[in-house]
Amino acid sequence: MKLLDKILKGSASELVENMGNAIDGIVTNDEEKLKAKNQLTQIATDKLTEVAGFQKEVLLAELNGTKLQRSWRPIVMLAFASIVVYSKFIAPAFNLPNAELEPDFWGLLELGLGGYVIGRSLEKITHKLTENADMTFLRKKHRNTN
């Protein structure tokens, strides 16, 4: 979660800061500057909330989907692991043909591992987070009907 949060929050905060600097150069009245910066911050916050909502929808669809939908992350990570094991251990040990793993592969592996860890963490805590919340879009056995 930290990686994705860092990407989203870092980009949003940089965007708002850069727009704020642009506003400082255009608007001279302090009250108008503050109002414009607050509006930009609200827009960025709304968009981040919207992205988080989309992520939640995807996660819920995966959790309620087929076996393949629920287990695609482990399958992809096992494929990545098998590529690394073959390339770094098996091929050199037995003089088998081997291709150099591109830097893009390692970046993809890092992104995949971050996504896998984030996704698994969310899967593990989703039940706890929604257990006590009354969310009408979720079916629960013990829903409060107050």
C-alpha atoms as a PDB file:
ATOM      1  CA  MET A   1       0.000   0.000   0.000  1.00  0.00           C
ATOM      2  CA  LYS A   2       2.866   2.351   0.743  1.00  0.00           C
ATOM      3  CA  LEU A   3       4.173   2.234  -2.839  1.00  0.00           C
ATOM      4  CA  LEU A   4       0.817   3.070  -4.404  1.00  0.00           C
ATOM      5  CA  ASP A   5       0.067   5.711  -1.789  1.00  0.00           C
ATOM      6  CA  LYS A   6       3.476   7.261  -2.372  1.00  0.00           C
ATOM      7  CA  ILE A   7       2.884   7.371  -6.131  1.00  0.00           C
ATOM      8  CA  LEU A   8      -0.617   8.813  -5.897  1.00  0.00           C
ATOM      9  CA  LYS A   9      -0.061  11.205  -3.016  1.00  0.00           C
ATOM     10  CA  GLY A  10       3.341  12.305  -4.284  1.00  0.00           C
ATOM     11  CA  SER A  11       1.992  13.085  -7.731  1.00  0.00           C
ATOM     12  CA  ALA A  12      -1.062  14.841  -6.367  1.00  0.00           C
ATOM     13  CA  SER A  13       0.872  16.912  -3.854  1.00  0.00           C
ATOM     14  CA  GLU A  14       3.443  17.882  -6.491  1.00  0.00           C
ATOM     15  CA  LEU A  15       0.645  18.819  -8.869  1.00  0.00           C
ATOM     16  CA  VAL A  16      -1.122  20.967  -6.275  1.00  0.00           C
ATOM     17  CA  GLU A  17       2.166  22.560  -5.212  1.00  0.00           C
ATOM     18  CA  ASN A  18       3.114  23.394  -8.806  1.00  0.00           C
ATOM     19  CA  MET A  19      -0.343  24.809  -9.486  1.00  0.00           C
ATOM     20  CA  GLY A  20      -0.102  26.779  -6.254  1.00  0.00           C
ATOM     21  CA  ASN A  21       3.200  28.246  -7.392  1.00  0.00           C
ATOM     22  CA  ALA A  22       1.596  29.167 -10.704  1.00  0.00           C
ATOM     23  CA  ILE A  23      -1.274  30.842  -8.843  1.00  0.00           C
ATOM     24  CA  ASP A  24       1.240  32.769  -6.719  1.00  0.00           C
ATOM     25  CA  GLY A  25       2.727  34.164  -9.920  1.00  0.00           C
ATOM     26  CA  ILE A  26      -0.636  35.201 -11.357  1.00  0.00           C
ATOM     27  CA  VAL A  27      -2.792  36.248  -8.386  1.00  0.00           C
ATOM     28  CA  THR A  28      -1.555  39.008  -6.110  1.00  0.00           C
ATOM     29  CA  ASN A  29      -4.367  39.092  -3.548  1.00  0.00           C
ATOM     30  CA  ASP A  30      -3.605  36.758  -0.589  1.00  0.00           C
ATOM     31  CA  GLU A  31      -7.286  35.898  -0.069  1.00  0.00           C
ATOM     32  CA  GLU A  32      -7.724  34.869  -3.709  1.00  0.00           C
ATOM     33  CA  LYS A  33      -4.483  32.844  -3.583  1.00  0.00           C
ATOM     34  CA  LEU A  34      -5.688  30.932  -0.538  1.00  0.00           C
ATOM     35  CA  LYS A  35      -9.112  30.321  -2.071  1.00  0.00           C
ATOM     36  CA  ALA A  36      -7.599  29.048  -5.344  1.00  0.00           C
ATOM     37  CA  LYS A  37      -5.120  26.789  -3.527  1.00  0.00           C
ATOM     38  CA  ASN A  38      -7.909  25.355  -1.370  1.00  0.00           C
ATOM     39  CA  GLN A  39      -9.973  24.626  -4.485  1.00  0.00           C
ATOM     40  CA  LEU A  40      -7.021  22.850  -6.113  1.00  0.00           C
ATOM     41  CA  THR A  41      -6.415  20.807  -2.980  1.00  0.00           C
ATOM     42  CA  GLN A  42     -10.093  19.830  -2.884  1.00  0.00           C
ATOM     43  CA  ILE A  43     -10.023  18.776  -6.545  1.00  0.00           C
ATOM     44  CA  ALA A  44      -6.900  16.645  -5.974  1.00  0.00           C
ATOM     45  CA  THR A  45      -8.430  15.078  -2.858  1.00  0.00           C
ATOM     46  CA  ASP A  46     -11.662  14.281  -4.713  1.00  0.00           C
ATOM     47  CA  LYS A  47      -9.739  12.620  -7.544  1.00  0.00           C
ATOM     48  CA  LEU A  48      -7.652  10.538  -5.119  1.00  0.00           C
ATOM     49  CA  THR A  49     -10.846   9.447  -3.382  1.00  0.00           C
ATOM     50  CA  GLU A  50     -12.304   8.514  -6.768  1.00  0.00           C
ATOM     51  CA  VAL A  51      -9.209   6.439  -7.614  1.00  0.00           C
ATOM     52  CA  ALA A  52      -9.428   4.684  -4.242  1.00  0.00           C
ATOM     53  CA  GLY A  53     -13.091   3.906  -4.978  1.00  0.00           C
ATOM     54  CA  PHE A  54     -12.165   2.372  -8.321  1.00  0.00           C
ATOM     55  CA  GLN A  55      -9.462   0.291  -6.642  1.00  0.00           C
ATOM     56  CA  LYS A  56     -11.986  -0.913  -4.078  1.00  0.00           C
ATOM     57  CA  GLU A  57     -14.438  -1.892  -6.827  1.00  0.00           C
ATOM     58  CA  VAL A  58     -11.759  -3.904  -8.617  1.00  0.00           C
ATOM     59  CA  LEU A  59     -10.750  -5.614  -5.392  1.00  0.00           C
ATOM     60  CA  LEU A  60     -14.350  -6.489  -4.510  1.00  0.00           C
ATOM     61  CA  ALA A  61     -14.935  -7.826  -8.046  1.00  0.00           C
ATOM     62  CA  GLU A  62     -11.842 -10.004  -7.701  1.00  0.00           C
ATOM     63  CA  LEU A  63     -12.864 -11.276  -4.280  1.00  0.00           C
ATOM     64  CA  ASN A  64     -16.338 -12.208  -5.509  1.00  0.00           C
ATOM     65  CA  GLY A  65     -15.143 -13.553  -8.869  1.00  0.00           C
ATOM     66  CA  THR A  66     -14.015 -16.906 -10.153  1.00  0.00           C
ATOM     67  CA  LYS A  67     -11.072 -18.880  -8.814  1.00  0.00           C
ATOM     68  CA  LEU A  68      -8.890 -17.495 -11.608  1.00  0.00           C
ATOM     69  CA  GLN A  69      -9.884 -13.902 -10.788  1.00  0.00           C
ATOM     70  CA  ARG A  70      -9.032 -14.464  -7.131  1.00  0.00           C
ATOM     71  CA  SER A  71      -5.673 -16.108  -7.838  1.00  0.00           C
ATOM     72  CA  TRP A  72      -4.196 -14.193 -10.784  1.00  0.00           C
ATOM     73  CA  ARG A  73      -1.612 -12.403  -8.623  1.00  0.00           C
ATOM     74  CA  PRO A  74      -0.049 -15.591  -7.241  1.00  0.00           C
ATOM     75  CA  ILE A  75       0.006 -17.084 -10.740  1.00  0.00           C
ATOM     76  CA  VAL A  76       1.818 -14.065 -12.176  1.00  0.00           C
ATOM     77  CA  MET A  77       4.279 -13.956  -9.276  1.00  0.00           C
ATOM     78  CA  LEU A  78       5.011 -17.684  -9.675  1.00  0.00           C
ATOM     79  CA  ALA A  79       5.713 -17.073 -13.365  1.00  0.00           C
ATOM     80  CA  PHE A  80       8.083 -14.220 -12.480  1.00  0.00           C
ATOM     81  CA  ALA A  81       9.777 -16.373  -9.843  1.00  0.00           C
ATOM     82  CA  SER A  82      10.253 -19.233 -12.289  1.00  0.00           C
ATOM     83  CA  ILE A  83      11.847 -16.871 -14.837  1.00  0.00           C
ATOM     84  CA  VAL A  84      14.272 -15.558 -12.214  1.00  0.00           C
ATOM     85  CA  VAL A  85      15.132 -19.037 -10.902  1.00  0.00           C
ATOM     86  CA  TYR A  86      15.742 -20.341 -14.426  1.00  0.00           C
ATOM     87  CA  SER A  87      17.769 -17.332 -15.533  1.00  0.00           C
ATOM     88  CA  LYS A  88      19.898 -16.946 -12.428  1.00  0.00           C
ATOM     89  CA  PHE A  89      20.313 -20.523 -11.170  1.00  0.00           C
ATOM     90  CA  ILE A  90      19.242 -23.333 -13.511  1.00  0.00           C
ATOM     91  CA  ALA A  91      20.558 -22.042 -16.852  1.00  0.00           C
ATOM     92  CA  PRO A  92      24.049 -21.133 -15.569  1.00  0.00           C
ATOM     93  CA  ALA A  93      24.370 -24.372 -13.582  1.00  0.00           C
ATOM     94  CA  PHE A  94      23.576 -26.618 -16.556  1.00  0.00           C
ATOM     95  CA  ASN A  95      24.885 -24.411 -19.424  1.00  0.00           C
ATOM     96  CA  LEU A  96      21.387 -23.996 -20.855  1.00  0.00           C
ATOM     97  CA  PRO A  97      20.447 -21.192 -23.225  1.00  0.00           C
ATOM     98  CA  ASN A  98      19.730 -18.072 -21.266  1.00  0.00           C
ATOM     99  CA  ALA A  99      18.634 -14.560 -22.092  1.00  0.00           C
ATOM    100  CA  GLU A 100      19.765 -11.553 -20.119  1.00  0.00           C
ATOM    101  CA  LEU A 101      16.906 -10.175 -18.047  1.00  0.00           C
ATOM    102  CA  GLU A 102      16.252  -6.613 -19.144  1.00  0.00           C
ATOM    103  CA  PRO A 103      16.128  -3.761 -16.625  1.00  0.00           C
ATOM    104  CA  ASP A 104      12.465  -3.362 -17.622  1.00  0.00           C
ATOM    105  CA  PHE A 105      11.816  -6.910 -16.391  1.00  0.00           C
ATOM    106  CA  TRP A 106      13.171  -6.024 -12.957  1.00  0.00           C
ATOM    107  CA  GLY A 107      11.069  -2.871 -12.894  1.00  0.00           C
ATOM    108  CA  LEU A 108       8.002  -4.912 -13.837  1.00  0.00           C
ATOM    109  CA  LEU A 109       8.867  -7.471 -11.173  1.00  0.00           C
ATOM    110  CA  GLU A 110       9.215  -4.707  -8.575  1.00  0.00           C
ATOM    111  CA  LEU A 111       5.888  -3.206  -9.607  1.00  0.00           C
ATOM    112  CA  GLY A 112       4.234  -6.640  -9.628  1.00  0.00           C
ATOM    113  CA  LEU A 113       5.622  -7.517  -6.227  1.00  0.00           C
ATOM    114  CA  GLY A 114       4.425  -4.190  -4.831  1.00  0.00           C
ATOM    115  CA  GLY A 115       0.984  -4.739  -6.363  1.00  0.00           C
ATOM    116  CA  TYR A 116       0.865  -8.308  -5.111  1.00  0.00           C
ATOM    117  CA  VAL A 117       1.775  -7.314  -1.575  1.00  0.00           C
ATOM    118  CA  ILE A 118      -0.692  -4.419  -1.659  1.00  0.00           C
ATOM    119  CA  GLY A 119      -3.450  -6.593  -3.086  1.00  0.00           C
ATOM    120  CA  ARG A 120      -2.889  -9.432  -0.634  1.00  0.00           C
ATOM    121  CA  SER A 121      -2.781  -6.983   2.256  1.00  0.00           C
ATOM    122  CA  LEU A 122      -6.075  -5.457   1.128  1.00  0.00           C
ATOM    123  CA  GLU A 123      -7.623  -8.901   0.733  1.00  0.00           C
ATOM    124  CA  LYS A 124      -6.594  -9.790   4.267  1.00  0.00           C
ATOM    125  CA  ILE A 125      -7.901  -6.601   5.864  1.00  0.00           C
ATOM    126  CA  THR A 126     -11.026  -6.036   3.743  1.00  0.00           C
ATOM    127  CA  HIS A 127     -13.073  -8.359   5.918  1.00  0.00           C
ATOM    128  CA  LYS A 128     -11.948  -6.641   9.109  1.00  0.00           C
ATOM    129  CA  LEU A 129     -12.563  -3.168   7.700  1.00  0.00           C
ATOM    130  CA  THR A 130     -16.052  -3.941   6.446  1.00  0.00           C
ATOM    131  CA  GLU A 131     -17.055  -6.185   9.343  1.00  0.00           C
ATOM    132  CA  ASN A 132     -18.351  -3.348  11.513  1.00  0.00           C
ATOM    133  CA  ALA A 133     -19.254  -0.812   8.832  1.00  0.00           C
ATOM    134  CA  ASP A 134     -22.790  -0.681   7.514  1.00  0.00           C
ATOM    135  CA  MET A 135     -22.272  -0.530   3.757  1.00  0.00           C
ATOM    136  CA  THR A 136     -25.418  -1.154   1.761  1.00  0.00           C
ATOM    137  CA  PHE A 137     -23.538  -2.445  -1.289  1.00  0.00           C
ATOM    138  CA  LEU A 138     -22.048  -5.332   0.714  1.00  0.00           C
ATOM    139  CA  ARG A 139     -24.042  -8.370   1.756  1.00  0.00           C
ATOM    140  CA  LYS A 140     -23.436  -9.175   5.370  1.00  0.00           C
ATOM    141  CA  LYS A 141     -24.993 -11.633   7.739  1.00  0.00           C
ATOM    142  CA  HIS A 142     -25.001  -9.264  10.675  1.00  0.00           C
ATOM    143  CA  ARG A 143     -26.080  -5.963   9.107  1.00  0.00           C
ATOM    144  CA  ASN A 144     -27.435  -3.294  11.387  1.00  0.00           C
ATOM    145  CA  THR A 145     -30.932  -2.334  10.281  1.00  0.00           C
ATOM    146  CA  ASN A 146     -31.326   0.733  12.493  1.00  0.00           C
END
